[in-house]
Amino acid sequence: MSYIQSNKAAWEEAFERRKHGWGDNNHVLLKQEELYFFNLDMKELLQSMDFAGKTIAQFCCNNGRELLSLVQYGASHGVGFDIAENIIEQARETAEKAGILNCNFEICSVLDIPAKYYRQFDFIFFTIGGIAWIDDLGTLFRQVSLCMKPGAVLLINDQHPFLSMLPVPGEEEFEPETLNRIAFSYFRHEPWVSTDGMQYMSGDYISKPFTSFTHTFSKIINAIVENDMQIISLSEYDYDVGITDVYDGLGIPLSYILQAKKS
């Protein structure tokens, strides 16, 4: 079994064990506030962009809440891609309950996007943790590039690679008295394999294995540039976007927003 098939089974198990009501209220939250599911800096960047009449896609879209939020902002159509069938089913239910008819979801690995989506999108984005599930970034961003129209924009809002060197609560290496201690190599090559479940969704349980990967900034940027995209901007922030808040405000780079454009 490949790590992608193994992750699919782990994610679907996590959703089956989800906390009571997890994600069920997203259709209500979508109506409460513009771009509700984005952090402040990402929201400000998106508000500076024109999505009228644009087609957008989210790779590794999870339950679709961010994509649906952005489609509501004026895009003509949106497509979300993810491997977990039951999580995608919740995304479809959320879209239906929210009355968002111009968005659909595909169950597939982001390394195997159907050819019918090539050159179809004006805007493609990833959010927290998306690229960490893929080992081969060259193949990943080749798929992104194939799906982009000329001049299309790629946006990534994710955990900063520096954070992968720091232990987080729950890990054996974490020491709350020494928050500036580096525990792991920035150039780690072996994957991370966890059977601790997906806490934000399901709480603690002994799970099927989740396999993720650490990527340096050079690896991310080179994979983008090598696939016919130019970096437009890169902003770094001292707050985390989904792993832990224990390092927030300490002057440590914890998250970033990268913007690139198809040549």
C-alpha atoms as a PDB file:
ATOM      1  CA  MET A   1       0.000   0.000   0.000  1.00  0.00           C
ATOM      2  CA  SER A   2       1.359   3.455  -0.921  1.00  0.00           C
ATOM      3  CA  TYR A   3       1.561   6.212   1.672  1.00  0.00           C
ATOM      4  CA  ILE A   4      -1.252   8.030  -0.174  1.00  0.00           C
ATOM      5  CA  GLN A   5      -3.581   5.032   0.080  1.00  0.00           C
ATOM      6  CA  SER A   6      -2.600   4.629   3.733  1.00  0.00           C
ATOM      7  CA  ASN A   7      -3.327   8.320   4.411  1.00  0.00           C
ATOM      8  CA  LYS A   8      -6.690   8.012   2.671  1.00  0.00           C
ATOM      9  CA  ALA A   9      -7.653   5.189   5.052  1.00  0.00           C
ATOM     10  CA  ALA A  10      -6.393   7.179   8.059  1.00  0.00           C
ATOM     11  CA  TRP A  11      -8.294  10.335   7.114  1.00  0.00           C
ATOM     12  CA  GLU A  12     -11.497   8.438   6.468  1.00  0.00           C
ATOM     13  CA  GLU A  13     -11.133   6.709   9.836  1.00  0.00           C
ATOM     14  CA  ALA A  14     -10.575  10.095  11.507  1.00  0.00           C
ATOM     15  CA  PHE A  15     -13.773  11.449   9.990  1.00  0.00           C
ATOM     16  CA  GLU A  16     -15.711   8.362  11.069  1.00  0.00           C
ATOM     17  CA  ARG A  17     -14.500   9.059  14.624  1.00  0.00           C
ATOM     18  CA  ARG A  18     -15.079  12.826  14.390  1.00  0.00           C
ATOM     19  CA  LYS A  19     -16.217  14.786  17.403  1.00  0.00           C
ATOM     20  CA  HIS A  20     -19.959  15.228  17.671  1.00  0.00           C
ATOM     21  CA  GLY A  21     -21.069  17.911  15.228  1.00  0.00           C
ATOM     22  CA  TRP A  22     -17.617  18.527  13.704  1.00  0.00           C
ATOM     23  CA  GLY A  23     -18.149  20.480  10.474  1.00  0.00           C
ATOM     24  CA  ASP A  24     -21.929  20.107  10.563  1.00  0.00           C
ATOM     25  CA  ASN A  25     -22.475  23.835  11.139  1.00  0.00           C
ATOM     26  CA  ASN A  26     -20.179  25.109   8.382  1.00  0.00           C
ATOM     27  CA  HIS A  27     -23.064  26.123   6.134  1.00  0.00           C
ATOM     28  CA  VAL A  28     -24.265  28.482   8.874  1.00  0.00           C
ATOM     29  CA  LEU A  29     -20.791  29.930   9.500  1.00  0.00           C
ATOM     30  CA  LEU A  30     -20.347  30.592   5.787  1.00  0.00           C
ATOM     31  CA  LYS A  31     -23.229  33.030   5.946  1.00  0.00           C
ATOM     32  CA  GLN A  32     -21.974  34.869   9.047  1.00  0.00           C
ATOM     33  CA  GLU A  33     -18.947  36.661   7.662  1.00  0.00           C
ATOM     34  CA  GLU A  34     -17.144  37.229   4.368  1.00  0.00           C
ATOM     35  CA  LEU A  35     -14.188  34.831   3.946  1.00  0.00           C
ATOM     36  CA  TYR A  36     -15.022  33.414   7.385  1.00  0.00           C
ATOM     37  CA  PHE A  37     -12.581  30.489   7.330  1.00  0.00           C
ATOM     38  CA  PHE A  38      -9.395  32.444   6.528  1.00  0.00           C
ATOM     39  CA  ASN A  39      -7.012  34.112   9.000  1.00  0.00           C
ATOM     40  CA  LEU A  40      -6.715  37.897   8.992  1.00  0.00           C
ATOM     41  CA  ASP A  41      -3.595  38.224   6.801  1.00  0.00           C
ATOM     42  CA  MET A  42      -4.871  35.741   4.244  1.00  0.00           C
ATOM     43  CA  LYS A  43      -8.254  37.455   4.251  1.00  0.00           C
ATOM     44  CA  GLU A  44      -6.682  40.869   3.597  1.00  0.00           C
ATOM     45  CA  LEU A  45      -4.702  39.472   0.657  1.00  0.00           C
ATOM     46  CA  LEU A  46      -7.749  37.787  -0.846  1.00  0.00           C
ATOM     47  CA  GLN A  47      -9.787  40.979  -0.447  1.00  0.00           C
ATOM     48  CA  SER A  48      -7.161  42.800  -2.522  1.00  0.00           C
ATOM     49  CA  MET A  49      -7.695  40.388  -5.422  1.00  0.00           C
ATOM     50  CA  ASP A  50     -10.459  40.283  -8.010  1.00  0.00           C
ATOM     51  CA  PHE A  51     -12.248  36.932  -8.226  1.00  0.00           C
ATOM     52  CA  ALA A  52     -15.183  38.069 -10.342  1.00  0.00           C
ATOM     53  CA  GLY A  53     -15.710  35.531 -13.104  1.00  0.00           C
ATOM     54  CA  LYS A  54     -12.646  33.512 -12.042  1.00  0.00           C
ATOM     55  CA  THR A  55     -12.366  29.733 -11.690  1.00  0.00           C
ATOM     56  CA  ILE A  56     -10.614  28.556  -8.532  1.00  0.00           C
ATOM     57  CA  ALA A  57      -9.384  25.247  -7.106  1.00  0.00           C
ATOM     58  CA  GLN A  58      -8.201  24.058  -3.732  1.00  0.00           C
ATOM     59  CA  PHE A  59      -5.818  21.111  -3.621  1.00  0.00           C
ATOM     60  CA  CYS A  60      -6.143  18.983  -0.438  1.00  0.00           C
ATOM     61  CA  CYS A  61      -9.420  20.747   0.332  1.00  0.00           C
ATOM     62  CA  ASN A  62     -10.522  18.655   3.355  1.00  0.00           C
ATOM     63  CA  ASN A  63     -14.221  19.412   3.999  1.00  0.00           C
ATOM     64  CA  GLY A  64     -14.254  22.322   1.576  1.00  0.00           C
ATOM     65  CA  ARG A  65     -15.009  25.096   4.035  1.00  0.00           C
ATOM     66  CA  GLU A  66     -12.275  27.450   2.768  1.00  0.00           C
ATOM     67  CA  LEU A  67     -13.026  26.827  -0.883  1.00  0.00           C
ATOM     68  CA  LEU A  68     -16.738  27.437  -0.336  1.00  0.00           C
ATOM     69  CA  SER A  69     -15.927  30.623   1.566  1.00  0.00           C
ATOM     70  CA  LEU A  70     -13.855  31.902  -1.361  1.00  0.00           C
ATOM     71  CA  VAL A  71     -16.384  30.857  -4.004  1.00  0.00           C
ATOM     72  CA  GLN A  72     -18.946  32.952  -2.124  1.00  0.00           C
ATOM     73  CA  TYR A  73     -16.624  35.933  -2.568  1.00  0.00           C
ATOM     74  CA  GLY A  74     -17.426  36.176  -6.268  1.00  0.00           C
ATOM     75  CA  ALA A  75     -15.729  33.379  -8.201  1.00  0.00           C
ATOM     76  CA  SER A  76     -17.642  31.905 -11.116  1.00  0.00           C
ATOM     77  CA  HIS A  77     -16.795  28.318 -10.185  1.00  0.00           C
ATOM     78  CA  GLY A  78     -14.728  26.315  -7.692  1.00  0.00           C
ATOM     79  CA  VAL A  79     -13.398  22.755  -7.533  1.00  0.00           C
ATOM     80  CA  GLY A  80     -11.957  21.007  -4.481  1.00  0.00           C
ATOM     81  CA  PHE A  81      -9.720  17.930  -4.644  1.00  0.00           C
ATOM     82  CA  ASP A  82      -9.128  15.486  -1.775  1.00  0.00           C
ATOM     83  CA  ILE A  83      -8.629  11.755  -1.223  1.00  0.00           C
ATOM     84  CA  ALA A  84     -11.036  11.169   1.691  1.00  0.00           C
ATOM     85  CA  GLU A  85     -14.445  10.133   0.374  1.00  0.00           C
ATOM     86  CA  ASN A  86     -16.469  10.743   3.525  1.00  0.00           C
ATOM     87  CA  ILE A  87     -14.899  14.160   4.134  1.00  0.00           C
ATOM     88  CA  ILE A  88     -15.654  15.172   0.546  1.00  0.00           C
ATOM     89  CA  GLU A  89     -19.224  14.035   1.103  1.00  0.00           C
ATOM     90  CA  GLN A  90     -19.488  16.522   3.979  1.00  0.00           C
ATOM     91  CA  ALA A  91     -18.111  19.224   1.656  1.00  0.00           C
ATOM     92  CA  ARG A  92     -20.846  18.449  -0.868  1.00  0.00           C
ATOM     93  CA  GLU A  93     -23.508  18.516   1.851  1.00  0.00           C
ATOM     94  CA  THR A  94     -22.206  21.862   3.132  1.00  0.00           C
ATOM     95  CA  ALA A  95     -22.350  23.349  -0.366  1.00  0.00           C
ATOM     96  CA  GLU A  96     -25.919  22.140  -0.809  1.00  0.00           C
ATOM     97  CA  LYS A  97     -27.074  23.446   2.576  1.00  0.00           C
ATOM     98  CA  ALA A  98     -25.397  26.810   1.949  1.00  0.00           C
ATOM     99  CA  GLY A  99     -26.953  27.058  -1.514  1.00  0.00           C
ATOM    100  CA  ILE A 100     -23.551  27.290  -3.210  1.00  0.00           C
ATOM    101  CA  LEU A 101     -24.260  25.665  -6.553  1.00  0.00           C
ATOM    102  CA  ASN A 102     -21.147  26.753  -8.458  1.00  0.00           C
ATOM    103  CA  CYS A 103     -18.708  24.491  -6.595  1.00  0.00           C
ATOM    104  CA  ASN A 104     -17.987  20.783  -6.930  1.00  0.00           C
ATOM    105  CA  PHE A 105     -15.612  18.304  -5.327  1.00  0.00           C
ATOM    106  CA  GLU A 106     -13.473  15.516  -6.789  1.00  0.00           C
ATOM    107  CA  ILE A 107     -12.280  12.463  -4.847  1.00  0.00           C
ATOM    108  CA  CYS A 108      -8.731  11.865  -6.045  1.00  0.00           C
ATOM    109  CA  SER A 109      -5.084  12.257  -5.112  1.00  0.00           C
ATOM    110  CA  VAL A 110      -3.758  15.702  -6.013  1.00  0.00           C
ATOM    111  CA  LEU A 111      -1.007  13.856  -7.899  1.00  0.00           C
ATOM    112  CA  ASP A 112      -3.647  12.396 -10.224  1.00  0.00           C
ATOM    113  CA  ILE A 113      -5.905  15.302 -11.163  1.00  0.00           C
ATOM    114  CA  PRO A 114      -8.061  14.303 -14.172  1.00  0.00           C
ATOM    115  CA  ALA A 115      -6.897  15.805 -17.472  1.00  0.00           C
ATOM    116  CA  LYS A 116     -10.263  17.526 -17.953  1.00  0.00           C
ATOM    117  CA  TYR A 117      -9.048  20.086 -15.365  1.00  0.00           C
ATOM    118  CA  TYR A 118      -5.848  21.008 -17.212  1.00  0.00           C
ATOM    119  CA  ARG A 119      -5.635  24.757 -18.039  1.00  0.00           C
ATOM    120  CA  GLN A 120      -8.965  25.354 -16.304  1.00  0.00           C
ATOM    121  CA  PHE A 121      -8.148  27.536 -13.275  1.00  0.00           C
ATOM    122  CA  ASP A 122      -7.329  31.197 -12.734  1.00  0.00           C
ATOM    123  CA  PHE A 123      -6.438  30.613  -9.091  1.00  0.00           C
ATOM    124  CA  ILE A 124      -5.225  27.561  -7.118  1.00  0.00           C
ATOM    125  CA  PHE A 125      -4.558  27.503  -3.394  1.00  0.00           C
ATOM    126  CA  PHE A 126      -3.308  25.357  -0.526  1.00  0.00           C
ATOM    127  CA  THR A 127      -3.947  25.969   3.172  1.00  0.00           C
ATOM    128  CA  ILE A 128      -2.436  24.613   6.389  1.00  0.00           C
ATOM    129  CA  GLY A 129      -0.873  21.187   6.075  1.00  0.00           C
ATOM    130  CA  GLY A 130      -1.778  20.589   2.440  1.00  0.00           C
ATOM    131  CA  ILE A 131       1.655  20.073   0.924  1.00  0.00           C
ATOM    132  CA  ALA A 132       2.940  18.179   3.983  1.00  0.00           C
ATOM    133  CA  TRP A 133       1.030  15.088   2.826  1.00  0.00           C
ATOM    134  CA  ILE A 134       2.971  14.894  -0.451  1.00  0.00           C
ATOM    135  CA  ASP A 135       6.526  13.565  -0.691  1.00  0.00           C
ATOM    136  CA  ASP A 136       7.327  14.575  -4.287  1.00  0.00           C
ATOM    137  CA  LEU A 137       6.770  18.324  -4.589  1.00  0.00           C
ATOM    138  CA  GLY A 138       8.022  18.331  -8.167  1.00  0.00           C
ATOM    139  CA  THR A 139       5.142  16.094  -9.226  1.00  0.00           C
ATOM    140  CA  LEU A 140       2.686  18.029  -7.063  1.00  0.00           C
ATOM    141  CA  PHE A 141       3.491  21.428  -8.561  1.00  0.00           C
ATOM    142  CA  ARG A 142       3.612  19.921 -12.034  1.00  0.00           C
ATOM    143  CA  GLN A 143      -0.042  19.007 -11.498  1.00  0.00           C
ATOM    144  CA  VAL A 144      -0.737  22.512 -10.219  1.00  0.00           C
ATOM    145  CA  SER A 145       0.929  24.035 -13.274  1.00  0.00           C
ATOM    146  CA  LEU A 146      -0.967  21.765 -15.665  1.00  0.00           C
ATOM    147  CA  CYS A 147      -4.261  22.895 -14.131  1.00  0.00           C
ATOM    148  CA  MET A 148      -3.436  26.626 -14.349  1.00  0.00           C
ATOM    149  CA  LYS A 149      -4.355  28.953 -17.167  1.00  0.00           C
ATOM    150  CA  PRO A 150      -1.519  31.195 -18.393  1.00  0.00           C
ATOM    151  CA  GLY A 151      -1.163  34.000 -15.863  1.00  0.00           C
ATOM    152  CA  ALA A 152      -3.009  32.071 -13.143  1.00  0.00           C
ATOM    153  CA  VAL A 153      -2.064  32.572  -9.497  1.00  0.00           C
ATOM    154  CA  LEU A 154      -0.964  30.013  -6.898  1.00  0.00           C
ATOM    155  CA  LEU A 155      -1.377  30.888  -3.223  1.00  0.00           C
ATOM    156  CA  ILE A 156      -0.058  28.877  -0.264  1.00  0.00           C
ATOM    157  CA  ASN A 157      -0.858  29.720   3.372  1.00  0.00           C
ATOM    158  CA  ASP A 158       0.891  27.135   5.503  1.00  0.00           C
ATOM    159  CA  GLN A 159       3.073  26.203   8.430  1.00  0.00           C
ATOM    160  CA  HIS A 160       6.565  27.706   8.156  1.00  0.00           C
ATOM    161  CA  PRO A 161       9.289  25.081   7.516  1.00  0.00           C
ATOM    162  CA  PHE A 162      11.086  26.376  10.638  1.00  0.00           C
ATOM    163  CA  LEU A 163       8.246  25.065  12.819  1.00  0.00           C
ATOM    164  CA  SER A 164       9.126  21.492  11.846  1.00  0.00           C
ATOM    165  CA  MET A 165      12.287  21.835  13.970  1.00  0.00           C
ATOM    166  CA  LEU A 166      10.324  22.615  17.138  1.00  0.00           C
ATOM    167  CA  PRO A 167       8.606  20.032  19.337  1.00  0.00           C
ATOM    168  CA  VAL A 168       4.918  20.632  19.989  1.00  0.00           C
ATOM    169  CA  PRO A 169       2.769  19.689  22.998  1.00  0.00           C
ATOM    170  CA  GLY A 170       2.163  15.957  23.057  1.00  0.00           C
ATOM    171  CA  GLU A 171       5.561  15.096  21.611  1.00  0.00           C
ATOM    172  CA  GLU A 172       8.164  13.484  23.853  1.00  0.00           C
ATOM    173  CA  GLU A 173      10.717  16.206  23.054  1.00  0.00           C
ATOM    174  CA  PHE A 174       8.460  19.110  24.121  1.00  0.00           C
ATOM    175  CA  GLU A 175       9.659  21.048  27.166  1.00  0.00           C
ATOM    176  CA  PRO A 176       7.463  24.069  28.054  1.00  0.00           C
ATOM    177  CA  GLU A 177      10.352  25.590  30.046  1.00  0.00           C
ATOM    178  CA  THR A 178      12.597  25.792  26.950  1.00  0.00           C
ATOM    179  CA  LEU A 179      10.449  26.941  24.065  1.00  0.00           C
ATOM    180  CA  ASN A 180      13.480  28.092  22.048  1.00  0.00           C
ATOM    181  CA  ARG A 181      14.976  24.584  21.877  1.00  0.00           C
ATOM    182  CA  ILE A 182      15.429  23.039  18.430  1.00  0.00           C
ATOM    183  CA  ALA A 183      14.658  19.323  18.552  1.00  0.00           C
ATOM    184  CA  PHE A 184      14.640  18.202  14.920  1.00  0.00           C
ATOM    185  CA  SER A 185      16.782  18.780  11.829  1.00  0.00           C
ATOM    186  CA  TYR A 186      15.600  21.324   9.281  1.00  0.00           C
ATOM    187  CA  PHE A 187      16.896  18.928   6.622  1.00  0.00           C
ATOM    188  CA  ARG A 188      14.994  15.877   7.871  1.00  0.00           C
ATOM    189  CA  HIS A 189      14.623  13.340   5.058  1.00  0.00           C
ATOM    190  CA  GLU A 190      12.574  10.563   6.627  1.00  0.00           C
ATOM    191  CA  PRO A 191       8.782  10.932   6.791  1.00  0.00           C
ATOM    192  CA  TRP A 192       6.794  11.533   9.958  1.00  0.00           C
ATOM    193  CA  VAL A 193       4.503   8.594  10.785  1.00  0.00           C
ATOM    194  CA  SER A 194       1.862   9.096  13.451  1.00  0.00           C
ATOM    195  CA  THR A 195      -0.827   6.851  14.932  1.00  0.00           C
ATOM    196  CA  ASP A 196      -2.077   9.526  17.340  1.00  0.00           C
ATOM    197  CA  GLY A 197      -5.185  10.298  15.318  1.00  0.00           C
ATOM    198  CA  MET A 198      -6.240  13.675  13.965  1.00  0.00           C
ATOM    199  CA  GLN A 199      -6.863  15.565  17.190  1.00  0.00           C
ATOM    200  CA  TYR A 200      -8.563  18.677  15.828  1.00  0.00           C
ATOM    201  CA  MET A 201     -11.174  16.482  14.167  1.00  0.00           C
ATOM    202  CA  SER A 202     -11.421  13.376  16.302  1.00  0.00           C
ATOM    203  CA  GLY A 203      -9.567  13.768  19.585  1.00  0.00           C
ATOM    204  CA  ASP A 204      -7.109  11.123  20.835  1.00  0.00           C
ATOM    205  CA  TYR A 205      -7.212   7.523  19.638  1.00  0.00           C
ATOM    206  CA  ILE A 206      -4.853   4.914  18.238  1.00  0.00           C
ATOM    207  CA  SER A 207      -5.264   5.455  14.533  1.00  0.00           C
ATOM    208  CA  LYS A 208      -4.246   4.047  11.223  1.00  0.00           C
ATOM    209  CA  PRO A 209      -0.896   5.589  10.236  1.00  0.00           C
ATOM    210  CA  PHE A 210      -0.707   9.153   8.950  1.00  0.00           C
ATOM    211  CA  THR A 211       2.445   9.786   6.891  1.00  0.00           C
ATOM    212  CA  SER A 212       3.597  13.362   6.298  1.00  0.00           C
ATOM    213  CA  PHE A 213       6.779  15.040   5.103  1.00  0.00           C
ATOM    214  CA  THR A 214       8.997  17.977   6.042  1.00  0.00           C
ATOM    215  CA  HIS A 215       9.873  20.372   3.200  1.00  0.00           C
ATOM    216  CA  THR A 216      12.510  23.105   3.339  1.00  0.00           C
ATOM    217  CA  PHE A 217      11.742  26.494   1.798  1.00  0.00           C
ATOM    218  CA  SER A 218      14.300  25.862  -0.946  1.00  0.00           C
ATOM    219  CA  LYS A 219      12.548  22.606  -1.847  1.00  0.00           C
ATOM    220  CA  ILE A 220       9.151  24.327  -1.998  1.00  0.00           C
ATOM    221  CA  ILE A 221      10.328  27.332  -4.012  1.00  0.00           C
ATOM    222  CA  ASN A 222      12.461  25.317  -6.445  1.00  0.00           C
ATOM    223  CA  ALA A 223       9.574  22.920  -7.152  1.00  0.00           C
ATOM    224  CA  ILE A 224       7.313  25.882  -7.942  1.00  0.00           C
ATOM    225  CA  VAL A 225       9.841  27.706 -10.134  1.00  0.00           C
ATOM    226  CA  GLU A 226      10.785  24.539 -12.009  1.00  0.00           C
ATOM    227  CA  ASN A 227       7.143  24.149 -13.033  1.00  0.00           C
ATOM    228  CA  ASP A 228       6.709  27.398 -14.980  1.00  0.00           C
ATOM    229  CA  MET A 229       5.733  29.695 -12.120  1.00  0.00           C
ATOM    230  CA  GLN A 230       7.332  32.882 -10.856  1.00  0.00           C
ATOM    231  CA  ILE A 231       7.334  33.848  -7.178  1.00  0.00           C
ATOM    232  CA  ILE A 232       5.443  37.126  -6.726  1.00  0.00           C
ATOM    233  CA  SER A 233       5.628  37.512  -2.944  1.00  0.00           C
ATOM    234  CA  LEU A 234       6.538  35.711   0.259  1.00  0.00           C
ATOM    235  CA  SER A 235       5.387  36.929   3.688  1.00  0.00           C
ATOM    236  CA  GLU A 236       6.335  35.309   7.011  1.00  0.00           C
ATOM    237  CA  TYR A 237       4.490  35.546  10.336  1.00  0.00           C
ATOM    238  CA  ASP A 238       5.205  34.808  13.995  1.00  0.00           C
ATOM    239  CA  TYR A 239       1.917  32.977  14.587  1.00  0.00           C
ATOM    240  CA  ASP A 240       0.914  29.437  13.766  1.00  0.00           C
ATOM    241  CA  VAL A 241      -2.026  28.574  11.523  1.00  0.00           C
ATOM    242  CA  GLY A 242      -3.161  25.248  12.918  1.00  0.00           C
ATOM    243  CA  ILE A 243      -0.553  23.206  14.822  1.00  0.00           C
ATOM    244  CA  THR A 244      -0.026  24.974  18.169  1.00  0.00           C
ATOM    245  CA  ASP A 245      -0.103  28.480  19.648  1.00  0.00           C
ATOM    246  CA  VAL A 246       2.641  27.932  22.265  1.00  0.00           C
ATOM    247  CA  TYR A 247       5.268  29.700  20.106  1.00  0.00           C
ATOM    248  CA  ASP A 248       3.078  32.571  18.929  1.00  0.00           C
ATOM    249  CA  GLY A 249       4.578  36.024  19.361  1.00  0.00           C
ATOM    250  CA  LEU A 250       8.074  34.812  20.289  1.00  0.00           C
ATOM    251  CA  GLY A 251       9.698  36.168  17.138  1.00  0.00           C
ATOM    252  CA  ILE A 252       9.905  32.713  15.557  1.00  0.00           C
ATOM    253  CA  PRO A 253       8.735  32.251  11.927  1.00  0.00           C
ATOM    254  CA  LEU A 254       5.684  29.998  12.230  1.00  0.00           C
ATOM    255  CA  SER A 255       3.605  30.535   9.096  1.00  0.00           C
ATOM    256  CA  TYR A 256       3.852  32.085   5.653  1.00  0.00           C
ATOM    257  CA  ILE A 257       1.888  33.183   2.619  1.00  0.00           C
ATOM    258  CA  LEU A 258       3.507  32.551  -0.764  1.00  0.00           C
ATOM    259  CA  GLN A 259       2.127  33.853  -4.035  1.00  0.00           C
ATOM    260  CA  ALA A 260       3.281  32.688  -7.477  1.00  0.00           C
ATOM    261  CA  LYS A 261       2.140  33.277 -11.054  1.00  0.00           C
ATOM    262  CA  LYS A 262       2.043  30.930 -14.033  1.00  0.00           C
ATOM    263  CA  SER A 263       4.438  32.051 -16.745  1.00  0.00           C
END
